[in-house]
C-alpha cells in the first residue's frame, strides 16, 4: 500500500511539474554566427569556417538541434555558432535553429560568416566585406552561351523577362534582393576597418599576377555586396554578368564584391521568419571573406581551352586559410561588442 502511494505521489508530482517545465522561458540569444562548412572536427585539426570560432570565442557548450547535421555550439554569454551545411542546406539549418523552442531569437543578431570569391576589380584574397545587399541569382532562365543570340552578352536572365539585363520577378521562388540594415553594416565596418588581416608572400605573389589595381593590393576590410547562387561559377564573362546582375536588382545602388553559395538561402528563410516576428531582419549581417578571385588573370578563349580552374585554396595559394582567419578576426570584434553592449544593443541596433 505504501509503495502504491509512493508511485501515485510521484505521478502527481510529474503531472504538476509538467506545465511548469513547458512554460519555462526560452533562452534569449544575443548573436548567432552561421558558418557553412568545416573540414574535419570542430577543434584541434585543419580548420574550416567554424573551427576558429569554436576554439577562440570560445563556443564550449555542444548542442543537438534536430535538423542540423553540423556542429552547433553555444558560449556562456549567449552566442550560438553552427555549421549549416553548404548551398541549399543552409535553409534547413537556419529554419531548424529558429524553430527550436529552447531559444528566443526575437532580438538576436545574425552573422553569416563564410568564404567567397572576390571580384578582382574590388579587392584581393584575404579581404573581408560587410554587405549592404544580398542578391539571389538562382531563379533564372539559362540558355547555353553557345546558343544565345549574337547580340546577347550571356545566356542568364531574369524570370519574367526575355533577355539579359532586364529585371523580371520570381514570385514564389525568392525575394531576389535583400537590403540589409545599412547603418548596422556601417557600424560593423567602422568597428573592424583597422583589423590586421592575414597575408603571406605566396598570396602577394599570386595577386601580383592580376592586372587590376584592387587585385594587387593587400587584403582589406570594406563594404561590399554579395551575389549568391547554389552553383559554383568562375570566369571573366560570369564576373561581368555578376556585376550587371547586382546592379540590376539593387537599382544601381549595390556593387558586386563577393560570390558565394548560401547567403540567399539564409536571407530567404530569415525574412520569412521576420514576417512572423520570430527574428528581426534588421539585425542580420553578412560577412564574406575572400578565399579566391571570381575569375582568372587573363580571359581564356575557347581556342585556348579551359583555364583558371580553382584548385587548393580555390586558385589562390593559402586563400582558404586566409579567408577562415579573416572571418574570425573581423567577425569576432562585432560579436564581442554586441555582447558587451547588450544593455543598449538588446533594445536598439548600433549605428
Protein backbone atom coordinates (compact mmCIF):
# COMPACT_ATOMS: atom_id res chain seq x y z
CA UNK A 1 0.00 0.00 0.00
CA UNK A 2 2.78 2.39 0.92
CA UNK A 3 4.53 1.53 -2.36
CA UNK A 4 1.35 2.32 -4.33
CA UNK A 5 1.02 5.64 -2.53
CA UNK A 6 4.61 6.48 -3.39
CA UNK A 7 4.00 5.72 -7.08
CA UNK A 8 0.82 7.82 -7.10
CA UNK A 9 2.63 10.68 -5.36
CA UNK A 10 5.46 10.56 -7.89
CA UNK A 11 2.95 10.54 -10.78
CA UNK A 12 1.06 13.53 -9.37
CA UNK A 13 4.35 15.39 -8.87
CA UNK A 14 5.27 14.88 -12.53
CA UNK A 15 1.79 15.93 -13.67
CA UNK A 16 2.00 19.14 -11.67
CA UNK A 17 5.58 19.85 -12.71
CA UNK A 18 4.94 19.27 -16.42
CA UNK A 19 3.20 22.60 -17.13
CA UNK A 20 5.91 24.41 -15.22
CA UNK A 21 8.58 22.83 -17.38
CA UNK A 22 6.58 23.54 -20.53
CA UNK A 23 6.20 27.17 -19.52
CA UNK A 24 9.94 27.68 -18.93
CA UNK A 25 11.05 30.81 -20.74
CA UNK A 26 13.24 30.28 -23.80
CA UNK A 27 16.86 31.38 -23.53
CA UNK A 28 17.37 34.75 -25.21
CA UNK A 29 20.20 34.50 -27.74
CA UNK A 30 22.29 37.58 -28.39
CA UNK A 31 24.19 36.56 -31.53
CA UNK A 32 24.14 33.64 -33.96
CA UNK A 33 27.19 33.04 -36.17
CA UNK A 34 26.35 30.91 -39.19
CA UNK A 35 29.25 29.18 -40.96
CA UNK A 36 28.70 26.78 -43.84
CA UNK A 37 31.31 24.03 -43.61
CA UNK A 38 34.08 22.54 -41.54
CA UNK A 39 36.97 20.48 -42.89
CA UNK A 40 37.14 17.90 -40.09
CA UNK A 41 36.45 18.26 -36.40
CA UNK A 42 35.27 21.49 -34.83
CA UNK A 43 38.51 21.79 -32.85
CA UNK A 44 42.13 20.74 -32.96
CA UNK A 45 42.75 19.86 -36.59
CA UNK A 46 42.85 21.54 -40.00
CA UNK A 47 40.41 24.45 -39.78
CA UNK A 48 37.39 25.25 -41.91
CA UNK A 49 34.95 28.12 -41.45
CA UNK A 50 33.84 27.13 -37.95
CA UNK A 51 36.93 25.99 -36.06
CA UNK A 52 38.38 29.38 -35.14
CA UNK A 53 35.02 30.46 -33.73
CA UNK A 54 34.69 27.30 -31.65
CA UNK A 55 38.22 27.46 -30.28
CA UNK A 56 38.77 31.16 -29.79
CA UNK A 57 35.45 32.80 -28.92
CA UNK A 58 35.08 30.19 -27.37
CA UNK A 59 31.94 28.16 -28.01
CA UNK A 60 32.15 25.50 -25.31
CA UNK A 61 28.66 24.02 -24.92
CA UNK A 62 27.70 21.40 -27.50
CA UNK A 63 24.08 21.45 -28.63
CA UNK A 64 21.98 18.98 -30.56
CA UNK A 65 19.40 20.68 -32.76
CA UNK A 66 17.07 18.41 -34.76
CA UNK A 67 17.51 19.16 -38.45
CA UNK A 68 21.11 20.39 -38.21
CA UNK A 69 23.78 17.84 -39.11
CA UNK A 70 26.81 20.02 -38.45
CA UNK A 71 28.20 21.13 -35.08
CA UNK A 72 26.20 23.60 -33.02
CA UNK A 73 27.94 25.26 -30.09
CA UNK A 74 26.99 27.90 -27.53
CA UNK A 75 29.03 30.29 -25.42
CA UNK A 76 28.45 31.16 -21.80
CA UNK A 77 27.25 34.66 -22.74
CA UNK A 78 24.51 33.86 -25.23
CA UNK A 79 26.24 33.32 -28.57
CA UNK A 80 25.41 30.34 -30.79
CA UNK A 81 27.65 29.21 -33.63
CA UNK A 82 26.81 26.50 -36.14
CA UNK A 83 27.88 24.74 -39.30
CA UNK A 84 24.83 24.97 -41.55
CA UNK A 85 25.94 22.89 -44.49
CA UNK A 86 26.67 24.35 -47.89
CA UNK A 87 24.44 25.60 -50.68
CA UNK A 88 20.76 24.71 -50.14
CA UNK A 89 21.34 23.04 -46.80
CA UNK A 90 21.67 26.39 -45.06
CA UNK A 91 17.92 26.87 -45.41
CA UNK A 92 17.13 23.73 -43.42
CA UNK A 93 19.67 24.52 -40.72
CA UNK A 94 18.61 28.12 -40.17
CA UNK A 95 14.95 27.12 -40.04
CA UNK A 96 15.67 24.27 -37.61
CA UNK A 97 17.51 26.62 -35.28
CA UNK A 98 14.83 29.32 -35.34
CA UNK A 99 12.15 26.74 -34.59
CA UNK A 100 13.99 25.22 -31.62
CA UNK A 101 11.71 26.05 -28.65
CA UNK A 102 14.62 26.29 -26.22
CA UNK A 103 15.71 29.64 -27.63
CA UNK A 104 14.34 33.13 -28.17
CA UNK A 105 15.69 34.76 -31.35
CA UNK A 106 13.44 37.82 -31.36
CA UNK A 107 16.34 40.20 -30.61
CA UNK A 108 19.19 38.12 -31.98
CA UNK A 109 21.88 39.47 -34.27
CA UNK A 110 22.76 37.08 -37.08
CA UNK A 111 26.15 37.00 -38.81
CA UNK A 112 26.54 34.79 -41.86
CA UNK A 113 30.34 34.41 -41.97
CA UNK A 114 31.97 32.39 -44.72
CA UNK A 115 34.48 32.43 -47.54
CA UNK A 116 33.73 33.62 -51.06
CA UNK A 117 35.18 34.59 -54.41
CA UNK A 118 36.04 38.27 -54.79
CA UNK A 119 35.85 40.46 -57.88
CA UNK A 120 39.44 41.50 -58.72
CA UNK A 121 38.15 44.97 -59.53
CA UNK A 122 37.22 45.32 -55.86
CA UNK A 123 39.70 43.52 -53.55
CA UNK A 124 42.11 40.61 -53.11
CA UNK A 125 42.04 37.23 -51.30
CA UNK A 126 42.04 37.54 -47.53
CA UNK A 127 39.82 40.64 -47.72
CA UNK A 128 36.60 40.92 -45.73
CA UNK A 129 33.36 42.59 -46.87
CA UNK A 130 30.31 43.62 -44.87
CA UNK A 131 27.34 43.53 -47.24
CA UNK A 132 24.54 46.04 -47.59
CA UNK A 133 22.82 43.96 -50.26
CA UNK A 134 22.44 40.24 -50.88
CA UNK A 135 21.24 39.32 -54.37
CA UNK A 136 19.84 35.93 -55.36
CA UNK A 137 20.83 34.55 -58.77
CA UNK A 138 19.24 31.11 -58.51
CA UNK A 139 15.75 31.65 -60.02
CA UNK A 140 16.82 32.37 -63.59
CA UNK A 141 16.32 31.38 -67.19
CA UNK A 142 19.52 29.99 -68.65
CA UNK A 143 20.47 29.30 -72.25
CA UNK A 144 23.77 27.67 -73.16
CA UNK A 145 26.13 30.51 -74.05
CA UNK A 146 26.99 28.71 -77.31
CA UNK A 147 23.36 29.03 -78.43
CA UNK A 148 22.42 32.56 -77.36
CA UNK A 149 21.52 35.32 -79.85
CA UNK A 150 24.61 37.07 -81.19
CA UNK A 151 23.75 40.38 -79.52
CA UNK A 152 23.41 38.84 -76.01
CA UNK A 153 26.39 39.14 -73.64
CA UNK A 154 25.46 35.91 -71.79
CA UNK A 155 22.68 33.38 -71.53
CA UNK A 156 21.45 34.00 -67.97
CA UNK A 157 18.49 36.33 -67.49
CA UNK A 158 15.60 37.08 -65.12
CA UNK A 159 12.39 35.14 -64.87
CA UNK A 160 9.51 37.10 -66.39
CA UNK A 161 11.86 38.76 -68.88
CA UNK A 162 13.00 37.92 -72.38
CA UNK A 163 16.67 38.95 -72.45
CA UNK A 164 19.64 39.75 -70.20
CA UNK A 165 19.92 42.99 -68.22
CA UNK A 166 16.13 43.27 -67.80
CA UNK A 167 14.73 42.98 -64.30
CA UNK A 168 11.94 40.44 -64.02
CA UNK A 169 10.47 38.79 -60.93
CA UNK A 170 10.42 35.47 -59.11
CA UNK A 171 7.19 35.32 -57.12
CA UNK A 172 7.00 32.17 -55.06
CA UNK A 173 10.71 31.49 -55.53
CA UNK A 174 12.66 34.31 -53.92
CA UNK A 175 12.60 37.97 -52.90
CA UNK A 176 15.66 38.22 -55.18
CA UNK A 177 17.30 41.09 -53.31
CA UNK A 178 17.57 41.91 -49.61
CA UNK A 179 18.62 45.36 -48.48
CA UNK A 180 20.33 44.78 -45.15
CA UNK A 181 20.46 47.34 -42.35
CA UNK A 182 22.91 49.82 -43.89
CA UNK A 183 23.57 51.61 -40.59
CA UNK A 184 24.39 48.31 -38.91
CA UNK A 185 26.75 47.39 -41.75
CA UNK A 186 28.45 50.79 -41.47
CA UNK A 187 28.86 50.30 -37.72
CA UNK A 188 30.35 46.84 -38.24
CA UNK A 189 32.74 48.28 -40.81
CA UNK A 190 33.83 51.12 -38.51
CA UNK A 191 34.35 48.62 -35.71
CA UNK A 192 36.63 46.43 -37.82
CA UNK A 193 38.15 48.58 -40.59
CA UNK A 194 41.57 48.63 -38.93
CA UNK A 195 41.74 44.91 -38.14
CA UNK A 196 45.00 43.38 -39.37
CA UNK A 197 44.22 40.72 -41.97
CA UNK A 198 46.37 37.68 -42.80
CA UNK A 199 48.78 37.97 -45.71
CA UNK A 200 51.62 35.82 -46.97
CA UNK A 201 54.38 36.11 -49.58
CA UNK A 202 52.57 33.43 -51.60
CA UNK A 203 49.33 35.42 -51.69
CA UNK A 204 51.22 38.61 -52.53
CA UNK A 205 53.00 36.90 -55.43
CA UNK A 206 49.73 35.44 -56.71
CA UNK A 207 47.75 38.67 -56.65
CA UNK A 208 50.62 40.48 -58.39
CA UNK A 209 49.82 38.40 -61.49
CA UNK A 210 46.45 40.16 -61.86
CA UNK A 211 46.23 43.41 -63.83
CA UNK A 212 43.64 45.14 -61.61
CA UNK A 213 44.95 47.60 -59.00
CA UNK A 214 42.48 46.34 -56.37
CA UNK A 215 43.58 42.76 -57.00
CA UNK A 216 47.23 43.64 -56.44
CA UNK A 217 46.52 45.42 -53.14
CA UNK A 218 46.88 43.74 -49.72
CA UNK A 219 43.73 42.37 -48.04
CA UNK A 220 41.37 44.96 -46.55
CA UNK A 221 38.04 45.33 -44.75
CA UNK A 222 35.40 47.10 -46.79
CA UNK A 223 31.69 47.43 -47.58
CA UNK A 224 30.80 45.13 -50.48
CA UNK A 225 27.72 43.31 -51.69
CA UNK A 226 27.12 39.59 -52.20
CA UNK A 227 25.69 37.65 -55.11
CA UNK A 228 24.66 34.14 -54.16
CA UNK A 229 23.97 31.06 -56.28
CA UNK A 230 23.94 27.40 -55.28
CA UNK A 231 26.08 26.67 -58.35
CA UNK A 232 29.79 27.38 -58.32
CA UNK A 233 30.86 29.59 -61.22
CA UNK A 234 34.10 31.22 -62.33
CA UNK A 235 35.45 33.34 -65.17
CA UNK A 236 35.59 36.74 -66.84
CA UNK A 237 32.21 36.53 -68.56
CA UNK A 238 30.45 35.29 -65.45
CA UNK A 239 32.07 38.01 -63.35
CA UNK A 240 30.80 40.60 -65.85
CA UNK A 241 27.36 39.02 -65.56
CA UNK A 242 27.55 39.17 -61.74
CA UNK A 243 28.38 42.89 -61.81
CA UNK A 244 25.40 43.51 -64.07
CA UNK A 245 23.07 41.27 -62.04
CA UNK A 246 23.81 43.02 -58.74
CA UNK A 247 23.45 46.45 -60.35
CA UNK A 248 20.16 45.38 -61.95
CA UNK A 249 18.50 44.06 -58.78
CA UNK A 250 19.69 46.86 -56.49
CA UNK A 251 18.62 49.63 -58.88
CA UNK A 252 22.25 50.62 -59.32
CA UNK A 253 22.89 51.04 -55.58
CA UNK A 254 24.83 47.83 -54.99
CA UNK A 255 28.30 46.87 -56.18
CA UNK A 256 29.20 43.23 -56.72
CA UNK A 257 32.09 42.21 -54.48
CA UNK A 258 31.67 38.63 -53.28
CA UNK A 259 30.20 35.48 -54.80
CA UNK A 260 29.03 32.66 -52.56
CA UNK A 261 26.54 29.81 -52.45
CA UNK A 262 24.49 30.37 -49.27
CA UNK A 263 23.54 33.96 -48.46
CA UNK A 264 20.34 33.89 -50.50
CA UNK A 265 19.16 30.80 -48.61
CA UNK A 266 19.86 32.32 -45.20
CA UNK A 267 18.19 35.63 -46.07
CA UNK A 268 15.18 33.95 -47.64
CA UNK A 269 14.49 31.91 -44.50
CA UNK A 270 15.23 34.72 -42.05
CA UNK A 271 12.99 37.12 -43.98
CA UNK A 272 10.10 34.66 -43.75
CA UNK A 273 10.55 34.25 -40.00
CA UNK A 274 10.87 38.02 -39.63
CA UNK A 275 7.41 38.40 -41.12
CA UNK A 276 6.22 36.08 -38.34
CA UNK A 277 8.07 38.16 -35.71
CA UNK A 278 10.37 35.27 -34.76
CA UNK A 279 13.50 37.16 -35.81
CA UNK A 280 14.40 40.78 -36.54
CA UNK A 281 15.64 41.13 -40.12
CA UNK A 282 17.24 44.50 -39.28
CA UNK A 283 19.74 42.56 -37.13
CA UNK A 284 21.07 40.35 -39.92
CA UNK A 285 24.64 40.85 -41.16
CA UNK A 286 26.60 39.15 -43.91
CA UNK A 287 30.38 38.96 -43.67
CA UNK A 288 32.16 37.34 -46.59
CA UNK A 289 35.91 36.87 -46.76
CA UNK A 290 37.76 36.19 -50.00
CA UNK A 291 39.49 32.86 -50.49
CA UNK A 292 39.93 33.36 -54.25
CA UNK A 293 39.19 35.63 -57.19
CA UNK A 294 36.00 35.18 -59.20
CA UNK A 295 37.99 34.98 -62.43
CA UNK A 296 41.42 34.03 -63.72
CA UNK A 297 44.14 36.56 -64.55
CA UNK A 298 43.55 36.64 -68.30
CA UNK A 299 40.35 35.79 -70.12
CA UNK A 300 40.58 32.34 -71.66
CA UNK A 301 39.24 31.93 -75.18
CA UNK A 302 37.69 28.74 -76.48
CA UNK A 303 40.75 28.23 -78.69
CA UNK A 304 42.99 28.24 -75.62
CA UNK A 305 40.93 25.62 -73.89
CA UNK A 306 39.79 25.58 -70.24
CA UNK A 307 41.70 27.71 -67.76
CA UNK A 308 41.61 29.28 -64.35
CA UNK A 309 40.02 26.25 -62.77
CA UNK A 310 40.11 26.65 -58.99
CA UNK A 311 42.45 24.34 -57.11
CA UNK A 312 43.61 24.23 -53.50
CA UNK A 313 42.51 27.48 -51.91
CA UNK A 314 40.24 27.96 -54.93
CA UNK A 315 43.16 29.13 -57.04
CA UNK A 316 44.86 31.40 -54.51
CA UNK A 317 47.70 29.67 -52.60
CA UNK A 318 46.64 29.66 -48.96
CA UNK A 319 43.49 31.62 -49.83
CA UNK A 320 41.15 29.32 -47.96
CA UNK A 321 43.05 29.57 -44.68
CA UNK A 322 43.36 33.34 -45.10
CA UNK A 323 39.60 33.56 -45.59
CA UNK A 324 38.89 31.47 -42.48
CA UNK A 325 41.25 33.61 -40.40
CA UNK A 326 39.86 36.90 -41.72
CA UNK A 327 36.29 35.85 -40.97
CA UNK A 328 37.11 35.31 -37.32
CA UNK A 329 39.38 38.35 -36.94
CA UNK A 330 36.75 40.66 -38.45
CA UNK A 331 33.62 38.98 -37.14
CA UNK A 332 34.68 38.40 -33.53
CA UNK A 333 35.07 42.09 -32.57
CA UNK A 334 31.49 42.69 -33.73
CA UNK A 335 30.17 39.73 -31.76
CA UNK A 336 32.05 40.81 -28.64
CA UNK A 337 30.90 44.43 -28.97
CA UNK A 338 27.27 43.37 -29.27
CA UNK A 339 27.50 41.12 -26.21
CA UNK A 340 29.41 43.68 -24.13
CA UNK A 341 26.94 46.42 -25.07
CA UNK A 342 23.81 44.31 -24.72
CA UNK A 343 22.22 46.76 -22.28
CA UNK A 344 21.98 49.12 -25.29
CA UNK A 345 22.07 46.80 -28.30
CA UNK A 346 19.45 44.43 -26.96
CA UNK A 347 16.84 47.12 -27.45
CA UNK A 348 18.33 49.18 -30.30
CA UNK A 349 20.70 48.30 -33.11
CA UNK A 350 24.04 50.15 -33.18
CA UNK A 351 24.52 52.93 -35.71
